[in-house]
Every structure is written in structure tokens, then in C-alpha cells.
PDB file of N, CA and C in Angstrom:
ATOM      1  N   MET A   1     172.047  35.286   2.056  1.00  0.00           N
ATOM      2  CA  MET A   1     170.143  35.219   1.606  1.00  0.00           C
ATOM      3  C   MET A   1     170.361  36.181   0.746  1.00  0.00           C
ATOM      4  N   GLU A   2     169.316  35.175  -0.052  1.00  0.00           N
ATOM      5  CA  GLU A   2     168.611  35.813  -1.554  1.00  0.00           C
ATOM      6  C   GLU A   2     167.958  37.288  -1.026  1.00  0.00           C
ATOM      7  N   ILE A   3     167.634  37.939  -1.969  1.00  0.00           N
ATOM      8  CA  ILE A   3     166.506  38.756  -1.973  1.00  0.00           C
ATOM      9  C   ILE A   3     165.226  38.697  -1.493  1.00  0.00           C
ATOM     10  N   ILE A   4     164.949  37.254  -2.188  1.00  0.00           N
ATOM     11  CA  ILE A   4     163.291  37.318  -2.258  1.00  0.00           C
ATOM     12  C   ILE A   4     163.228  36.396  -0.219  1.00  0.00           C
ATOM     13  N   GLU A   5     163.957  35.999  -0.063  1.00  0.00           N
ATOM     14  CA  GLU A   5     164.079  35.919   1.310  1.00  0.00           C
ATOM     15  C   GLU A   5     164.080  37.007   2.251  1.00  0.00           C
ATOM     16  N   ARG A   6     164.730  37.678   2.313  1.00  0.00           N
ATOM     17  CA  ARG A   6     165.083  38.902   2.648  1.00  0.00           C
ATOM     18  C   ARG A   6     163.731  39.623   2.641  1.00  0.00           C
ATOM     19  N   ILE A   7     163.129  40.218   1.623  1.00  0.00           N
ATOM     20  CA  ILE A   7     161.587  40.151   1.623  1.00  0.00           C
ATOM     21  C   ILE A   7     161.076  39.691   2.572  1.00  0.00           C
ATOM     22  N   SER A   8     160.997  38.333   2.215  1.00  0.00           N
ATOM     23  CA  SER A   8     159.900  37.585   3.476  1.00  0.00           C
ATOM     24  C   SER A   8     160.306  37.751   5.030  1.00  0.00           C
ATOM     25  N   GLN A   9     161.663  37.819   5.599  1.00  0.00           N
ATOM     26  CA  GLN A   9     161.963  38.089   6.617  1.00  0.00           C
ATOM     27  C   GLN A   9     161.385  39.384   7.121  1.00  0.00           C
ATOM     28  N   THR A  10     161.830  40.237   6.098  1.00  0.00           N
ATOM     29  CA  THR A  10     161.278  41.868   6.472  1.00  0.00           C
ATOM     30  C   THR A  10     159.669  42.037   6.459  1.00  0.00           C
ATOM     31  N   LEU A  11     158.852  41.552   5.931  1.00  0.00           N
ATOM     32  CA  LEU A  11     157.622  41.110   5.814  1.00  0.00           C
ATOM     33  C   LEU A  11     157.000  41.021   7.238  1.00  0.00           C
ATOM     34  N   LYS A  12     157.694  39.288   7.769  1.00  0.00           N
ATOM     35  CA  LYS A  12     157.410  39.195   9.392  1.00  0.00           C
ATOM     36  C   LYS A  12     157.552  40.455  10.235  1.00  0.00           C
ATOM     37  N   GLU A  13     159.045  40.455  10.062  1.00  0.00           N
ATOM     38  CA  GLU A  13     159.249  41.408  10.763  1.00  0.00           C
ATOM     39  C   GLU A  13     158.484  42.986  11.098  1.00  0.00           C
ATOM     40  N   ARG A  14     157.910  43.110  10.075  1.00  0.00           N
ATOM     41  CA  ARG A  14     157.230  44.350  10.296  1.00  0.00           C
ATOM     42  C   ARG A  14     155.467  44.364  10.100  1.00  0.00           C
ATOM     43  N   ASN A  15     155.080  43.242  10.274  1.00  0.00           N
ATOM     44  CA  ASN A  15     153.966  42.472  10.400  1.00  0.00           C
ATOM     45  C   ASN A  15     153.093  43.011   9.242  1.00  0.00           C
ATOM     46  N   LYS A  16     153.736  42.792   8.306  1.00  0.00           N
ATOM     47  CA  LYS A  16     153.207  43.005   6.790  1.00  0.00           C
ATOM     48  C   LYS A  16     152.331  41.851   6.264  1.00  0.00           C
ATOM     49  N   MET A  17     151.564  41.769   5.273  1.00  0.00           N
ATOM     50  CA  MET A  17     151.298  40.584   4.681  1.00  0.00           C
ATOM     51  C   MET A  17     151.729  40.719   3.527  1.00  0.00           C
ATOM     52  N   ALA A  18     152.173  39.370   3.140  1.00  0.00           N
ATOM     53  CA  ALA A  18     152.554  39.271   1.586  1.00  0.00           C
ATOM     54  C   ALA A  18     151.435  39.442   0.174  1.00  0.00           C
ATOM     55  N   VAL A  19     150.322  39.273   0.552  1.00  0.00           N
ATOM     56  CA  VAL A  19     149.158  40.044  -0.303  1.00  0.00           C
ATOM     57  C   VAL A  19     149.031  41.230  -0.081  1.00  0.00           C
ATOM     58  N   ASP A  20     149.225  41.755   0.729  1.00  0.00           N
ATOM     59  CA  ASP A  20     149.239  43.322   0.272  1.00  0.00           C
ATOM     60  C   ASP A  20     150.722  43.966  -0.518  1.00  0.00           C
ATOM     61  N   LEU A  21     151.717  43.527   0.003  1.00  0.00           N
ATOM     62  CA  LEU A  21     152.973  43.775  -1.347  1.00  0.00           C
ATOM     63  C   LEU A  21     152.430  43.338  -2.610  1.00  0.00           C
ATOM     64  N   CYS A  22     151.833  42.428  -2.818  1.00  0.00           N
ATOM     65  CA  CYS A  22     151.584  41.827  -4.237  1.00  0.00           C
ATOM     66  C   CYS A  22     150.391  42.883  -5.008  1.00  0.00           C
ATOM     67  N   LYS A  23     149.533  43.338  -3.833  1.00  0.00           N
ATOM     68  CA  LYS A  23     148.949  44.327  -4.614  1.00  0.00           C
ATOM     69  C   LYS A  23     149.639  45.622  -4.599  1.00  0.00           C
ATOM     70  N   ALA A  24     150.235  46.159  -4.083  1.00  0.00           N
ATOM     71  CA  ALA A  24     151.519  47.642  -4.419  1.00  0.00           C
ATOM     72  C   ALA A  24     151.906  47.140  -5.708  1.00  0.00           C
ATOM     73  N   LEU A  25     152.282  45.978  -5.666  1.00  0.00           N
ATOM     74  CA  LEU A  25     153.328  45.312  -6.927  1.00  0.00           C
ATOM     75  C   LEU A  25     152.224  45.384  -8.473  1.00  0.00           C
ATOM     76  N   ASP A  26     150.949  45.458  -7.947  1.00  0.00           N
ATOM     77  CA  ASP A  26     150.039  44.566  -8.880  1.00  0.00           C
ATOM     78  C   ASP A  26     150.283  43.437 -10.071  1.00  0.00           C
ATOM     79  N   ILE A  27     150.672  42.338  -8.789  1.00  0.00           N
ATOM     80  CA  ILE A  27     150.717  41.359  -9.399  1.00  0.00           C
ATOM     81  C   ILE A  27     150.088  40.051  -8.739  1.00  0.00           C
ATOM     82  N   GLN A  28     150.221  38.913  -9.093  1.00  0.00           N
ATOM     83  CA  GLN A  28     149.234  37.877  -8.589  1.00  0.00           C
ATOM     84  C   GLN A  28     149.968  37.139  -7.474  1.00  0.00           C
ATOM     85  N   THR A  29     149.306  36.806  -6.244  1.00  0.00           N
ATOM     86  CA  THR A  29     149.820  36.246  -5.226  1.00  0.00           C
ATOM     87  C   THR A  29     151.212  34.868  -5.636  1.00  0.00           C
ATOM     88  N   SER A  30     150.620  34.543  -6.719  1.00  0.00           N
ATOM     89  CA  SER A  30     150.904  33.122  -6.958  1.00  0.00           C
ATOM     90  C   SER A  30     152.652  33.621  -8.018  1.00  0.00           C
ATOM     91  N   THR A  31     152.702  34.868  -8.425  1.00  0.00           N
ATOM     92  CA  THR A  31     153.828  35.474  -8.676  1.00  0.00           C
ATOM     93  C   THR A  31     155.249  35.078  -7.777  1.00  0.00           C
ATOM     94  N   MET A  32     154.520  36.020  -6.416  1.00  0.00           N
ATOM     95  CA  MET A  32     155.590  35.530  -5.695  1.00  0.00           C
ATOM     96  C   MET A  32     155.682  34.206  -4.791  1.00  0.00           C
ATOM     97  N   SER A  33     154.787  33.708  -4.532  1.00  0.00           N
ATOM     98  CA  SER A  33     154.824  32.069  -4.360  1.00  0.00           C
ATOM     99  C   SER A  33     155.970  31.627  -5.546  1.00  0.00           C
ATOM    100  N   THR A  34     155.763  31.650  -6.656  1.00  0.00           N
ATOM    101  CA  THR A  34     156.715  30.826  -7.896  1.00  0.00           C
ATOM    102  C   THR A  34     158.469  31.750  -7.088  1.00  0.00           C
ATOM    103  N   TRP A  35     158.617  33.214  -6.805  1.00  0.00           N
ATOM    104  CA  TRP A  35     159.597  33.341  -6.550  1.00  0.00           C
ATOM    105  C   TRP A  35     160.295  32.817  -5.677  1.00  0.00           C
ATOM    106  N   LYS A  36     159.399  32.533  -4.362  1.00  0.00           N
ATOM    107  CA  LYS A  36     160.042  31.794  -3.283  1.00  0.00           C
ATOM    108  C   LYS A  36     160.195  30.478  -3.492  1.00  0.00           C
ATOM    109  N   ALA A  37     159.359  29.747  -4.255  1.00  0.00           N
ATOM    110  CA  ALA A  37     159.818  28.414  -4.344  1.00  0.00           C
ATOM    111  C   ALA A  37     161.143  28.006  -5.164  1.00  0.00           C
ATOM    112  N   ARG A  38     161.116  29.138  -6.041  1.00  0.00           N
ATOM    113  CA  ARG A  38     162.519  29.067  -7.152  1.00  0.00           C
ATOM    114  C   ARG A  38     163.623  29.805  -6.627  1.00  0.00           C
ATOM    115  N   LYS A  39     163.138  30.343  -5.622  1.00  0.00           N
ATOM    116  CA  LYS A  39     164.511  31.345  -5.115  1.00  0.00           C
ATOM    117  C   LYS A  39     164.919  32.139  -5.939  1.00  0.00           C
ATOM    118  N   ASN A  40     164.273  32.713  -7.007  1.00  0.00           N
ATOM    119  CA  ASN A  40     164.212  33.869  -7.788  1.00  0.00           C
ATOM    120  C   ASN A  40     163.965  35.294  -7.316  1.00  0.00           C
ATOM    121  N   ASP A  41     165.033  36.150  -7.729  1.00  0.00           N
ATOM    122  CA  ASP A  41     164.532  37.439  -7.022  1.00  0.00           C
ATOM    123  C   ASP A  41     163.568  38.060  -8.266  1.00  0.00           C
ATOM    124  N   PRO A  42     162.882  39.150  -7.387  1.00  0.00           N
ATOM    125  CA  PRO A  42     161.997  39.927  -8.229  1.00  0.00           C
ATOM    126  C   PRO A  42     162.726  40.691  -9.401  1.00  0.00           C
ATOM    127  N   PRO A  43     162.084  41.069 -10.617  1.00  0.00           N
ATOM    128  CA  PRO A  43     162.514  41.913 -11.124  1.00  0.00           C
ATOM    129  C   PRO A  43     163.098  43.133 -10.657  1.00  0.00           C
ATOM    130  N   ALA A  44     164.400  43.602 -11.471  1.00  0.00           N
ATOM    131  CA  ALA A  44     164.635  44.741 -10.753  1.00  0.00           C
ATOM    132  C   ALA A  44     163.355  46.192 -10.874  1.00  0.00           C
ATOM    133  N   ARG A  45     162.513  46.171 -11.997  1.00  0.00           N
ATOM    134  CA  ARG A  45     161.251  47.170 -11.765  1.00  0.00           C
ATOM    135  C   ARG A  45     160.377  47.138 -10.252  1.00  0.00           C
ATOM    136  N   TYR A  46     160.471  45.804  -9.689  1.00  0.00           N
ATOM    137  CA  TYR A  46     159.752  45.940  -8.898  1.00  0.00           C
ATOM    138  C   TYR A  46     160.633  46.486  -7.465  1.00  0.00           C
ATOM    139  N   MET A  47     161.563  46.563  -7.533  1.00  0.00           N
ATOM    140  CA  MET A  47     162.903  47.136  -6.506  1.00  0.00           C
ATOM    141  C   MET A  47     162.205  48.060  -5.771  1.00  0.00           C
ATOM    142  N   PRO A  48     162.157  49.204  -6.450  1.00  0.00           N
ATOM    143  CA  PRO A  48     162.051  50.293  -5.480  1.00  0.00           C
ATOM    144  C   PRO A  48     160.453  50.419  -4.793  1.00  0.00           C
ATOM    145  N   THR A  49     159.452  49.490  -5.495  1.00  0.00           N
ATOM    146  CA  THR A  49     157.794  49.968  -5.009  1.00  0.00           C
ATOM    147  C   THR A  49     158.347  48.720  -3.431  1.00  0.00           C
ATOM    148  N   ILE A  50     158.893  47.469  -3.670  1.00  0.00           N
ATOM    149  CA  ILE A  50     159.241  46.864  -2.875  1.00  0.00           C
ATOM    150  C   ILE A  50     159.935  47.454  -1.719  1.00  0.00           C
ATOM    151  N   ALA A  51     160.642  47.845  -2.141  1.00  0.00           N
ATOM    152  CA  ALA A  51     161.840  48.997  -0.446  1.00  0.00           C
ATOM    153  C   ALA A  51     160.805  49.955  -0.125  1.00  0.00           C
ATOM    154  N   ASN A  52     159.687  50.683  -0.915  1.00  0.00           N
ATOM    155  CA  ASN A  52     158.881  51.550  -0.327  1.00  0.00           C
ATOM    156  C   ASN A  52     158.027  51.093   0.642  1.00  0.00           C
ATOM    157  N   PHE A  53     157.093  49.771   0.120  1.00  0.00           N
ATOM    158  CA  PHE A  53     156.273  49.142   0.882  1.00  0.00           C
ATOM    159  C   PHE A  53     156.746  48.765   2.481  1.00  0.00           C
ATOM    160  N   LEU A  54     158.337  47.972   2.153  1.00  0.00           N
ATOM    161  CA  LEU A  54     158.704  47.624   3.674  1.00  0.00           C
ATOM    162  C   LEU A  54     159.300  48.730   4.391  1.00  0.00           C
ATOM    163  N   GLY A  55     159.380  49.624   4.071  1.00  0.00           N
ATOM    164  CA  GLY A  55     160.344  51.106   4.592  1.00  0.00           C
ATOM    165  C   GLY A  55     161.937  50.551   4.718  1.00  0.00           C
ATOM    166  N   VAL A  56     162.605  50.191   3.432  1.00  0.00           N
ATOM    167  CA  VAL A  56     163.729  49.892   3.694  1.00  0.00           C
ATOM    168  C   VAL A  56     164.498  50.310   2.509  1.00  0.00           C
ATOM    169  N   SER A  57     165.676  50.475   2.660  1.00  0.00           N
ATOM    170  CA  SER A  57     166.336  51.037   1.400  1.00  0.00           C
ATOM    171  C   SER A  57     166.921  50.010   0.136  1.00  0.00           C
ATOM    172  N   LEU A  58     166.869  50.371  -0.905  1.00  0.00           N
ATOM    173  CA  LEU A  58     167.158  49.462  -2.231  1.00  0.00           C
ATOM    174  C   LEU A  58     168.519  48.852  -1.639  1.00  0.00           C
ATOM    175  N   GLU A  59     169.566  49.321  -1.075  1.00  0.00           N
ATOM    176  CA  GLU A  59     170.730  48.869  -0.297  1.00  0.00           C
ATOM    177  C   GLU A  59     170.256  48.026   0.159  1.00  0.00           C
ATOM    178  N   TYR A  60     169.588  47.715   1.134  1.00  0.00           N
ATOM    179  CA  TYR A  60     168.924  46.415   2.228  1.00  0.00           C
ATOM    180  C   TYR A  60     168.546  45.574   1.504  1.00  0.00           C
ATOM    181  N   LEU A  61     167.750  45.664   0.432  1.00  0.00           N
ATOM    182  CA  LEU A  61     167.188  44.833  -0.265  1.00  0.00           C
ATOM    183  C   LEU A  61     168.313  43.844  -1.188  1.00  0.00           C
ATOM    184  N   LEU A  62     169.011  44.476  -1.506  1.00  0.00           N
ATOM    185  CA  LEU A  62     170.464  44.066  -2.653  1.00  0.00           C
ATOM    186  C   LEU A  62     171.195  43.380  -1.593  1.00  0.00           C
ATOM    187  N   THR A  63     171.736  44.106  -0.556  1.00  0.00           N
ATOM    188  CA  THR A  63     172.591  43.620   0.136  1.00  0.00           C
ATOM    189  C   THR A  63     172.658  43.131   1.786  1.00  0.00           C
ATOM    190  N   GLY A  64     171.322  43.397   2.314  1.00  0.00           N
ATOM    191  CA  GLY A  64     170.962  43.088   3.795  1.00  0.00           C
ATOM    192  C   GLY A  64     171.766  44.271   4.510  1.00  0.00           C
ATOM    193  N   LYS A  65     172.469  45.309   4.065  1.00  0.00           N
ATOM    194  CA  LYS A  65     173.066  45.958   5.055  1.00  0.00           C
ATOM    195  C   LYS A  65     172.220  47.612   4.286  1.00  0.00           C
ATOM    196  N   GLU A  66     172.075  48.502   5.326  1.00  0.00           N
ATOM    197  CA  GLU A  66     171.632  49.422   5.470  1.00  0.00           C
ATOM    198  C   GLU A  66     172.664  50.725   4.461  1.00  0.00           C
ATOM    199  N   ALA A  67     172.368  51.197   3.945  1.00  0.00           N
ATOM    200  CA  ALA A  67     173.125  52.533   3.596  1.00  0.00           C
ATOM    201  C   ALA A  67     173.469  53.396   4.622  1.00  0.00           C
ATOM    202  N   PRO A  68     174.699  53.862   5.011  1.00  0.00           N
ATOM    203  CA  PRO A  68     174.650  54.692   5.773  1.00  0.00           C
ATOM    204  C   PRO A  68     173.965  55.995   5.833  1.00  0.00           C
ATOM    205  N   ALA A  69     173.569  56.702   7.097  1.00  0.00           N
ATOM    206  CA  ALA A  69     172.701  57.846   6.617  1.00  0.00           C
ATOM    207  C   ALA A  69     173.444  59.145   5.974  1.00  0.00           C
ATOM    208  N   VAL A  70     172.633  59.885   5.431  1.00  0.00           N
ATOM    209  CA  VAL A  70     173.584  60.878   4.493  1.00  0.00           C
ATOM    210  C   VAL A  70     173.196  62.245   5.526  1.00  0.00           C
ATOM    211  N   GLN A  71     173.928  62.776   5.608  1.00  0.00           N
ATOM    212  CA  GLN A  71     173.852  64.122   6.100  1.00  0.00           C
ATOM    213  C   GLN A  71     173.425  65.018   5.129  1.00  0.00           C
ATOM    214  N   LYS A  72     171.957  65.679   5.172  1.00  0.00           N
ATOM    215  CA  LYS A  72     171.509  66.303   3.884  1.00  0.00           C
ATOM    216  C   LYS A  72     171.610  67.630   4.164  1.00  0.00           C
ATOM    217  N   THR A  73     171.768  68.580   5.552  1.00  0.00           N
ATOM    218  CA  THR A  73     172.092  69.740   6.335  1.00  0.00           C
ATOM    219  C   THR A  73     173.521  69.852   6.797  1.00  0.00           C
ATOM    220  N   THR A  74     173.889  71.178   7.049  1.00  0.00           N
ATOM    221  CA  THR A  74     174.758  71.479   7.637  1.00  0.00           C
ATOM    222  C   THR A  74     174.417  71.331   9.321  1.00  0.00           C
ATOM    223  N   SER A  75     175.210  71.490   9.723  1.00  0.00           N
ATOM    224  CA  SER A  75     174.853  72.033  11.239  1.00  0.00           C
ATOM    225  C   SER A  75     174.308  73.144  11.864  1.00  0.00           C
ATOM    226  N   THR A  76     175.101  74.527  10.845  1.00  0.00           N
ATOM    227  CA  THR A  76     174.211  75.818  10.711  1.00  0.00           C
ATOM    228  C   THR A  76     172.738  75.368  10.492  1.00  0.00           C
ATOM    229  N   GLU A  77     172.619  75.047   9.906  1.00  0.00           N
ATOM    230  CA  GLU A  77     170.979  74.961   9.149  1.00  0.00           C
ATOM    231  C   GLU A  77     170.052  74.205  10.108  1.00  0.00           C
ATOM    232  N   ASP A  78     170.639  73.108  10.847  1.00  0.00           N
ATOM    233  CA  ASP A  78     170.037  72.273  11.860  1.00  0.00           C
ATOM    234  C   ASP A  78     170.011  73.205  12.767  1.00  0.00           C
ATOM    235  N   GLU A  79     171.101  74.057  13.123  1.00  0.00           N
ATOM    236  CA  GLU A  79     170.757  75.047  14.347  1.00  0.00           C
ATOM    237  C   GLU A  79     169.390  75.947  13.768  1.00  0.00           C
ATOM    238  N   LEU A  80     169.448  76.413  12.886  1.00  0.00           N
ATOM    239  CA  LEU A  80     168.391  77.440  12.208  1.00  0.00           C
ATOM    240  C   LEU A  80     167.081  76.532  12.193  1.00  0.00           C
ATOM    241  N   LEU A  81     166.977  75.352  11.947  1.00  0.00           N
ATOM    242  CA  LEU A  81     165.921  74.870  11.935  1.00  0.00           C
ATOM    243  C   LEU A  81     165.226  74.368  13.701  1.00  0.00           C
ATOM    244  N   GLU A  82     166.034  74.035  14.564  1.00  0.00           N
ATOM    245  CA  GLU A  82     165.930  73.689  15.887  1.00  0.00           C
ATOM    246  C   GLU A  82     165.228  75.334  16.126  1.00  0.00           C
ATOM    247  N   LEU A  83     166.062  76.193  16.050  1.00  0.00           N
ATOM    248  CA  LEU A  83     165.239  77.844  16.725  1.00  0.00           C
ATOM    249  C   LEU A  83     164.036  78.052  15.779  1.00  0.00           C
ATOM    250  N   PHE A  84     164.043  77.576  14.743  1.00  0.00           N
ATOM    251  CA  PHE A  84     162.701  77.940  13.989  1.00  0.00           C
ATOM    252  C   PHE A  84     161.467  77.110  14.907  1.00  0.00           C
ATOM    253  N   ARG A  85     161.636  75.814  14.862  1.00  0.00           N
ATOM    254  CA  ARG A  85     161.154  75.032  15.549  1.00  0.00           C
ATOM    255  C   ARG A  85     160.412  75.430  16.887  1.00  0.00           C
ATOM    256  N   THR A  86     160.979  76.409  17.575  1.00  0.00           N
ATOM    257  CA  THR A  86     160.591  76.517  18.678  1.00  0.00           C
ATOM    258  C   THR A  86     159.547  77.880  18.789  1.00  0.00           C
ATOM    259  N   LEU A  87     159.612  78.676  17.642  1.00  0.00           N
ATOM    260  CA  LEU A  87     158.495  79.838  17.199  1.00  0.00           C
ATOM    261  C   LEU A  87     157.181  78.902  17.352  1.00  0.00           C
ATOM    262  N   PRO A  88     156.110  79.686  17.590  1.00  0.00           N
ATOM    263  CA  PRO A  88     154.571  79.353  17.188  1.00  0.00           C
ATOM    264  C   PRO A  88     154.311  79.644  15.778  1.00  0.00           C
ATOM    265  N   PRO A  89     153.382  79.240  15.428  1.00  0.00           N
ATOM    266  CA  PRO A  89     153.363  78.907  13.791  1.00  0.00           C
ATOM    267  C   PRO A  89     152.963  80.476  13.391  1.00  0.00           C
ATOM    268  N   ASP A  90     152.388  81.315  13.830  1.00  0.00           N
ATOM    269  CA  ASP A  90     152.314  82.605  13.465  1.00  0.00           C
ATOM    270  C   ASP A  90     153.739  83.608  13.142  1.00  0.00           C
ATOM    271  N   ARG A  91     154.472  83.126  14.278  1.00  0.00           N
ATOM    272  CA  ARG A  91     156.006  83.879  13.989  1.00  0.00           C
ATOM    273  C   ARG A  91     156.709  82.949  13.168  1.00  0.00           C
ATOM    274  N   GLN A  92     156.649  81.268  12.953  1.00  0.00           N
ATOM    275  CA  GLN A  92     157.279  81.006  11.735  1.00  0.00           C
ATOM    276  C   GLN A  92     156.844  81.517  10.445  1.00  0.00           C
ATOM    277  N   GLN A  93     155.498  82.018  10.130  1.00  0.00           N
ATOM    278  CA  GLN A  93     155.479  82.454   8.970  1.00  0.00           C
ATOM    279  C   GLN A  93     155.700  83.804   8.863  1.00  0.00           C
ATOM    280  N   ARG A  94     155.831  84.648  10.209  1.00  0.00           N
ATOM    281  CA  ARG A  94     156.391  85.817   9.899  1.00  0.00           C
ATOM    282  C   ARG A  94     157.771  85.959   9.554  1.00  0.00           C
ATOM    283  N   TYR A  95     158.796  84.838   9.973  1.00  0.00           N
ATOM    284  CA  TYR A  95     160.267  84.922   9.717  1.00  0.00           C
ATOM    285  C   TYR A  95     160.371  84.402   8.492  1.00  0.00           C
ATOM    286  N   LEU A  96     159.117  83.400   8.054  1.00  0.00           N
ATOM    287  CA  LEU A  96     159.373  82.644   6.660  1.00  0.00           C
ATOM    288  C   LEU A  96     159.273  84.262   5.360  1.00  0.00           C
ATOM    289  N   GLY A  97     158.667  85.299   5.584  1.00  0.00           N
ATOM    290  CA  GLY A  97     158.474  86.439   5.177  1.00  0.00           C
ATOM    291  C   GLY A  97     159.642  86.961   5.128  1.00  0.00           C
ATOM    292  N   ARG A  98     159.861  87.420   6.348  1.00  0.00           N
ATOM    293  CA  ARG A  98     161.117  88.380   6.414  1.00  0.00           C
ATOM    294  C   ARG A  98     162.361  87.188   5.368  1.00  0.00           C
ATOM    295  N   LEU A  99     162.776  86.056   5.819  1.00  0.00           N
ATOM    296  CA  LEU A  99     163.548  85.268   4.702  1.00  0.00           C
ATOM    297  C   LEU A  99     163.545  85.524   3.401  1.00  0.00           C
ATOM    298  N   GLU A 100     162.361  85.117   2.847  1.00  0.00           N
ATOM    299  CA  GLU A 100     161.994  85.206   1.031  1.00  0.00           C
ATOM    300  C   GLU A 100     162.346  86.843   1.338  1.00  0.00           C
ATOM    301  N   ASN A 101     162.096  88.018   1.935  1.00  0.00           N
ATOM    302  CA  ASN A 101     162.317  89.462   1.474  1.00  0.00           C
ATOM    303  C   ASN A 101     163.977  89.539   1.154  1.00  0.00           C
ATOM    304  N   GLU A 102     164.344  88.849   2.347  1.00  0.00           N
ATOM    305  CA  GLU A 102     166.205  89.051   2.200  1.00  0.00           C
ATOM    306  C   GLU A 102     166.564  88.396   1.072  1.00  0.00           C
ATOM    307  N   VAL A 103     166.224  86.930   0.703  1.00  0.00           N
ATOM    308  CA  VAL A 103     166.750  86.345  -0.632  1.00  0.00           C
ATOM    309  C   VAL A 103     166.150  87.281  -1.839  1.00  0.00           C
ATOM    310  N   GLU A 104     165.133  87.654  -1.631  1.00  0.00           N
ATOM    311  CA  GLU A 104     164.989  88.659  -3.107  1.00  0.00           C
ATOM    312  C   GLU A 104     165.910  89.579  -2.938  1.00  0.00           C
ATOM    313  N   SER A 105     166.092  90.243  -2.247  1.00  0.00           N
ATOM    314  CA  SER A 105     166.905  91.510  -2.110  1.00  0.00           C
ATOM    315  C   SER A 105     168.592  91.147  -2.328  1.00  0.00           C
ATOM    316  N   TYR A 106     168.729  89.791  -2.045  1.00  0.00           N
ATOM    317  CA  TYR A 106     170.080  89.454  -2.354  1.00  0.00           C
ATOM    318  C   TYR A 106     170.000  89.289  -3.864  1.00  0.00           C
ATOM    319  N   THR A 107     168.961  88.533  -4.046  1.00  0.00           N
ATOM    320  CA  THR A 107     169.111  87.956  -5.422  1.00  0.00           C
ATOM    321  C   THR A 107     169.430  89.074  -6.641  1.00  0.00           C
ATOM    322  N   LYS A 108     168.646  90.215  -6.359  1.00  0.00           N
ATOM    323  CA  LYS A 108     168.417  91.673  -6.967  1.00  0.00           C
ATOM    324  C   LYS A 108     169.762  92.083  -6.988  1.00  0.00           C
ATOM    325  N   GLU A 109     170.627  91.982  -5.502  1.00  0.00           N
ATOM    326  CA  GLU A 109     171.768  92.756  -5.262  1.00  0.00           C
ATOM    327  C   GLU A 109     172.823  91.670  -6.219  1.00  0.00           C
ATOM    328  N   ARG A 110     172.684  90.712  -6.819  1.00  0.00           N
ATOM    329  CA  ARG A 110     174.031  90.047  -7.019  1.00  0.00           C
ATOM    330  C   ARG A 110     174.054  90.001  -8.704  1.00  0.00           C
ATOM    331  N   LYS A 111     172.326  90.093  -9.164  1.00  0.00           N
ATOM    332  CA  LYS A 111     172.419  90.426 -10.557  1.00  0.00           C
ATOM    333  C   LYS A 111     172.949  91.744 -11.005  1.00  0.00           C
ATOM    334  N   TYR A 112     173.197  92.804 -10.396  1.00  0.00           N
ATOM    335  CA  TYR A 112     173.994  93.854 -11.207  1.00  0.00           C
ATOM    336  C   TYR A 112     175.497  93.832 -10.613  1.00  0.00           C
ATOM    337  N   LEU A 113     175.712  92.696  -9.890  1.00  0.00           N
ATOM    338  CA  LEU A 113     177.197  93.071  -9.679  1.00  0.00           C
ATOM    339  C   LEU A 113     178.246  91.865 -10.388  1.00  0.00           C
ATOM    340  N   ASP A 114     178.709  92.540 -11.032  1.00  0.00           N
ATOM    341  CA  ASP A 114     179.625  91.561 -11.487  1.00  0.00           C
ATOM    342  C   ASP A 114     180.889  90.733 -10.624  1.00  0.00           C
ATOM    343  N   GLU A 115     181.570  89.973 -11.282  1.00  0.00           N
ATOM    344  CA  GLU A 115     182.755  88.836 -10.368  1.00  0.00           C
ATOM    345  C   GLU A 115     183.351  89.824  -9.698  1.00  0.00           C
ATOM    346  N   GLY A 116     183.863  90.861 -10.121  1.00  0.00           N
ATOM    347  CA  GLY A 116     184.803  92.026  -9.519  1.00  0.00           C
ATOM    348  C   GLY A 116     183.880  92.800  -8.491  1.00  0.00           C
ATOM    349  N   LYS A 117     182.724  92.357  -8.166  1.00  0.00           N
ATOM    350  CA  LYS A 117     181.642  93.232  -7.628  1.00  0.00           C
ATOM    351  C   LYS A 117     181.798  94.506  -7.962  1.00  0.00           C
ATOM    352  N   ARG A 118     181.503  94.918  -9.448  1.00  0.00           N
ATOM    353  CA  ARG A 118     181.679  96.063  -9.516  1.00  0.00           C
ATOM    354  C   ARG A 118     180.485  96.113 -10.403  1.00  0.00           C
ATOM    355  N   LEU A 119     179.345  97.433 -10.615  1.00  0.00           N
ATOM    356  CA  LEU A 119     178.186  97.303 -11.124  1.00  0.00           C
ATOM    357  C   LEU A 119     178.387  96.734 -12.557  1.00  0.00           C
ATOM    358  N   SER A 120     177.381  95.874 -12.847  1.00  0.00           N
ATOM    359  CA  SER A 120     177.539  95.711 -14.090  1.00  0.00           C
ATOM    360  C   SER A 120     176.359  96.031 -15.000  1.00  0.00           C
ATOM    361  N   ILE A 121     176.790  95.974 -16.126  1.00  0.00           N
ATOM    362  CA  ILE A 121     175.514  96.852 -17.256  1.00  0.00           C
ATOM    363  C   ILE A 121     175.050  95.728 -18.342  1.00  0.00           C
TER     364      ILE A 121
END
């Protein structure tokens, strides 16, 4: 399947209009019609906007396969976030303040220690 066909199919699946995509790309609807008729793919400069509009990855537009999800956090970070979310907003703010103080203290402490954990001057 060509990229332009994948775009058309995804527009249908997502109940989105080609005219709205053309507005997002700042192109005439005839430009997209020409791509379809000639089975030409859109220029590369339009791909990020198209992917964003359709809510798909660039990899999906190019290959038809979604990229595997990338784990951006560790399990410890996920656990911390889950615990944080159980707190009411006022306690979340209080905890953030404590965490900021801890990071500031740690940064100052590291600033004065060399690699051998000796006080540096």
C-alpha cells in the first residue's frame, strides 16, 4: 500500500475529512487529489503534520506498521508516579516542594565533592 493510500484509509477510519488535512497542510484540495490520482506520495516536509493530524507515527505512514512503544520511565518511576497521583492536589504540591528542596540540597552537596568523595576546592 502506498503512503497516500494509507493516508486516505486512515482518514476514513478516524472519520476525518481530507479538506481539514489540506487546511492543516496549507495546500489546495486539488493537490491532494493529484497525489491520489497519480499515486504519488506527499513530499517529506508534509509527513510530520500528516502524522500528527491523523494521530499516527511517521513509521506507520511510511511502512504501515506502528513503532513499538518506547518505555520512557523505569518501573520505580512508574511506581512513584502512581503513588503521587493518589495524593490530593494540595499534598502533591507539598511533596513537589520537598522534592525540589531535596534536589537542590543534593546538587549543592555534589558540587563540593570530587570523584573520590573528597571535599574539593
